[in-house]
Protein backbone atom coordinates (compact mmCIF):
# COMPACT_ATOMS: atom_id res chain seq x y z
CA MET A 1 -73.55 -47.49 -132.80
CA ASN A 2 -76.04 -50.25 -132.06
CA ILE A 3 -78.80 -47.99 -133.10
CA ALA A 4 -77.02 -47.20 -136.40
CA MET A 5 -76.65 -50.98 -136.97
CA ALA A 6 -80.44 -51.41 -136.30
CA VAL A 7 -81.31 -48.63 -138.81
CA ARG A 8 -79.01 -50.36 -141.36
CA GLU A 9 -81.51 -53.33 -141.40
CA ARG A 10 -83.84 -51.10 -143.53
CA ALA A 11 -81.21 -50.55 -146.27
CA ASP A 12 -82.05 -52.05 -149.66
CA CYS A 13 -78.75 -51.96 -151.53
CA LEU A 14 -77.23 -55.01 -153.47
CA GLY A 15 -73.84 -53.80 -152.30
CA GLN A 16 -73.19 -52.58 -148.67
CA LYS A 17 -75.98 -51.93 -146.31
CA VAL A 18 -75.25 -48.83 -144.29
CA GLY A 19 -77.08 -47.07 -141.32
CA ALA A 20 -76.31 -43.78 -139.82
CA ILE A 21 -77.68 -41.57 -136.93
CA ILE A 22 -77.05 -38.00 -136.05
CA VAL A 23 -76.78 -37.24 -132.34
CA LEU A 24 -76.99 -33.74 -130.88
CA SER A 25 -76.73 -33.01 -127.09
CA HIS A 26 -76.90 -36.77 -126.38
CA ARG A 27 -80.16 -37.17 -128.30
CA ILE A 28 -80.83 -38.80 -131.65
CA VAL A 29 -82.18 -36.18 -133.89
CA SER A 30 -82.20 -38.02 -137.29
CA THR A 31 -81.52 -41.43 -138.89
CA GLY A 32 -80.79 -42.61 -142.40
CA TYR A 33 -80.01 -45.80 -144.36
CA ASN A 34 -79.00 -46.21 -147.85
CA GLY A 35 -81.24 -46.93 -150.69
CA THR A 36 -83.12 -45.44 -153.75
CA PRO A 37 -84.96 -42.15 -153.35
CA ALA A 38 -88.58 -42.28 -152.01
CA GLY A 39 -91.03 -43.59 -154.58
CA MET A 40 -88.50 -45.28 -156.76
CA ARG A 41 -87.85 -49.02 -157.28
CA ASN A 42 -85.47 -50.49 -154.81
CA CYS A 43 -82.03 -51.89 -155.66
CA SER A 44 -83.23 -55.47 -155.09
CA ASP A 45 -85.98 -54.81 -157.66
CA GLY A 46 -83.55 -53.52 -160.25
CA GLY A 47 -83.97 -49.83 -159.40
CA CYS A 48 -80.24 -48.94 -159.53
CA VAL A 49 -78.15 -49.73 -162.68
CA ARG A 50 -74.81 -49.47 -160.88
CA CYS A 51 -75.89 -51.95 -158.21
CA SER A 52 -77.26 -54.29 -160.81
CA ASN A 53 -73.98 -54.25 -162.66
CA ARG A 54 -71.57 -53.92 -159.64
CA ASP A 55 -69.55 -56.94 -160.41
CA LYS A 56 -69.37 -56.47 -164.19
CA LYS A 57 -69.24 -52.85 -165.25
CA TYR A 58 -68.66 -51.01 -161.94
CA PRO A 59 -66.11 -52.52 -159.65
CA SER A 60 -66.42 -51.79 -155.89
CA GLY A 61 -65.69 -48.07 -155.05
CA THR A 62 -66.48 -46.86 -158.60
CA GLY A 63 -69.40 -45.41 -160.45
CA TYR A 64 -70.90 -43.51 -157.49
CA ASP A 65 -71.92 -40.73 -159.68
CA LEU A 66 -74.10 -43.12 -161.65
CA CYS A 67 -75.73 -44.70 -158.55
CA ILE A 68 -79.21 -43.39 -157.78
CA CYS A 69 -79.04 -44.59 -154.29
CA VAL A 70 -78.80 -42.05 -151.47
CA HIS A 71 -76.24 -42.83 -148.80
CA ALA A 72 -77.22 -43.34 -145.20
CA GLU A 73 -75.36 -40.21 -144.00
CA GLN A 74 -76.92 -38.19 -146.83
CA ASN A 75 -80.50 -39.59 -145.87
CA ALA A 76 -79.81 -38.65 -142.21
CA ILE A 77 -78.82 -35.06 -143.13
CA LEU A 78 -81.64 -34.64 -145.59
CA SER A 79 -84.18 -35.99 -143.11
CA ALA A 80 -83.05 -33.41 -140.48
CA ALA A 81 -83.28 -30.63 -143.03
CA ARG A 82 -86.79 -31.79 -144.11
CA PHE A 83 -88.04 -31.51 -140.56
CA GLY A 84 -86.11 -28.27 -139.71
CA ILE A 85 -83.69 -29.83 -137.28
CA SER A 86 -80.40 -28.06 -136.98
CA ILE A 87 -77.50 -30.51 -136.87
CA GLN A 88 -74.74 -27.91 -136.30
CA GLY A 89 -72.24 -29.38 -133.81
CA ALA A 90 -73.73 -32.92 -133.98
CA THR A 91 -71.95 -36.25 -134.13
CA VAL A 92 -72.68 -38.87 -136.87
CA TYR A 93 -72.41 -42.59 -136.01
CA THR A 94 -72.37 -44.67 -139.20
CA THR A 95 -71.79 -48.32 -139.92
CA VAL A 96 -69.23 -47.52 -142.70
CA GLN A 97 -66.62 -44.73 -142.91
CA PRO A 98 -68.14 -41.98 -145.02
CA CYS A 99 -67.17 -41.54 -148.68
CA PHE A 100 -65.73 -38.28 -150.11
CA GLY A 101 -69.19 -36.92 -150.96
CA CYS A 102 -70.74 -37.61 -147.54
CA LEU A 103 -67.80 -36.20 -145.75
CA LYS A 104 -67.98 -33.05 -147.72
CA GLU A 105 -71.71 -32.75 -147.02
CA MET A 106 -71.17 -33.34 -143.28
CA LEU A 107 -68.59 -30.51 -143.22
CA GLN A 108 -71.02 -28.20 -144.96
CA ALA A 109 -73.82 -29.29 -142.56
CA GLY A 110 -71.66 -28.34 -139.53
CA ILE A 111 -71.14 -31.87 -138.18
CA ASP A 112 -68.42 -31.93 -135.50
CA GLU A 113 -67.49 -35.56 -135.28
CA VAL A 114 -67.89 -38.80 -137.21
CA ILE A 115 -67.51 -42.24 -135.55
CA TYR A 116 -67.69 -45.24 -137.88
CA LEU A 117 -67.68 -49.00 -137.49
CA HIS A 118 -66.11 -50.36 -140.73
CA ALA A 119 -63.51 -48.88 -142.97
CA TRP A 120 -64.62 -47.78 -146.47
CA ARG A 121 -62.43 -49.13 -149.33
CA SER A 122 -62.10 -47.24 -152.62
CA ALA A 123 -59.73 -46.09 -155.23
CA ARG A 124 -58.41 -43.55 -152.64
CA ASP A 125 -56.64 -46.35 -150.90
CA SER A 126 -54.25 -46.83 -153.86
CA ASP A 127 -54.01 -43.19 -154.74
CA PRO A 128 -51.89 -41.06 -152.35
CA GLU A 129 -53.32 -37.82 -153.78
CA GLN A 130 -56.89 -39.05 -153.17
CA GLN A 131 -55.95 -40.28 -149.74
CA SER A 132 -54.44 -36.83 -149.03
CA GLN A 133 -57.61 -35.08 -150.03
CA TYR A 134 -59.60 -37.25 -147.86
CA GLU A 135 -57.42 -36.69 -144.88
CA ILE A 136 -57.64 -32.95 -145.44
CA LEU A 137 -61.43 -33.06 -145.40
CA ALA A 138 -61.42 -35.35 -142.25
CA SER A 139 -59.04 -33.02 -140.42
CA ARG A 140 -61.66 -30.21 -140.89
CA LEU A 141 -64.10 -31.80 -138.56
CA PRO A 142 -63.74 -30.15 -135.13
CA LYS A 143 -63.72 -33.36 -133.19
CA GLY A 144 -62.45 -35.54 -136.01
CA ILE A 145 -63.29 -38.88 -137.44
CA ARG A 146 -62.58 -42.19 -135.85
CA GLN A 147 -63.24 -45.86 -136.12
CA LEU A 148 -65.00 -47.65 -133.21
CA ALA A 149 -63.64 -51.00 -132.25
CA MET A 150 -66.82 -53.05 -131.91
CA HIS A 151 -68.04 -56.52 -133.03
CA ASP A 152 -70.61 -56.61 -135.77
CA ASN A 153 -72.47 -59.92 -135.95
CA ARG A 154 -74.07 -58.90 -139.32
CA ALA A 155 -70.86 -57.53 -141.02
CA GLU A 156 -70.80 -60.07 -143.79
CA TRP A 157 -74.47 -59.68 -144.57
CA ALA A 158 -74.10 -55.87 -144.63
CA ARG A 159 -71.28 -56.09 -147.12
CA GLY A 160 -73.65 -57.96 -149.48
CA GLY A 161 -71.74 -61.18 -148.77
CA THR A 162 -74.77 -63.34 -147.66
CA PRO A 163 -78.39 -63.21 -147.86
CA ALA A 164 -80.52 -62.73 -144.76
CA PRO A 165 -80.82 -65.98 -142.87
CA GLN A 166 -83.79 -68.39 -143.28
CA GLY A 167 -86.71 -67.35 -141.22
CA SER A 168 -86.19 -63.67 -141.58
CA ASP A 169 -88.00 -60.91 -143.33
CA GLN A 170 -86.82 -58.81 -146.26
CA HIS A 171 -84.77 -56.71 -143.93
CA GLY A 172 -83.01 -59.60 -142.32
CA MET A 173 -84.94 -59.41 -139.12
CA GLU A 174 -85.92 -62.71 -137.58
CA SER A 175 -89.52 -63.77 -138.19
CA GLN A 176 -91.64 -64.25 -134.98
């Protein structure tokens, strides 16, 4: 999980910053972080309309279909595919519980297990039918989905709560 947290430092989202790694046979085979597609303006540069309007027009957990950002888990899966790496039977470590879309994609890609750090909050939390659908998807992972109890020093920053500390670069890493 520490490696997924390190990968998260590259995320350029005005909302949550998420990192994910895919592990197969005890080896990291792919990594991903959330942000706009390659060659497009980053969220912090106004590249995503949803992120730019997240507190006004798009409350947290809504408007994902309008967001141009690619989720960390999606980027990890797509990176493996791009380089011809099979992820059948792999484990995904992600800093945030996967959303519906990512969970479906992980099932289709043959992922066996998901381990996440922080719970994902959305409309499904208040809708029993959506929660049930999510649980059905999660139950289809051969080894399941579970939260890892671990401290995260950068949790507030990753949720978009605070800017990177003084003396750090654009990714929140301390300057030398």
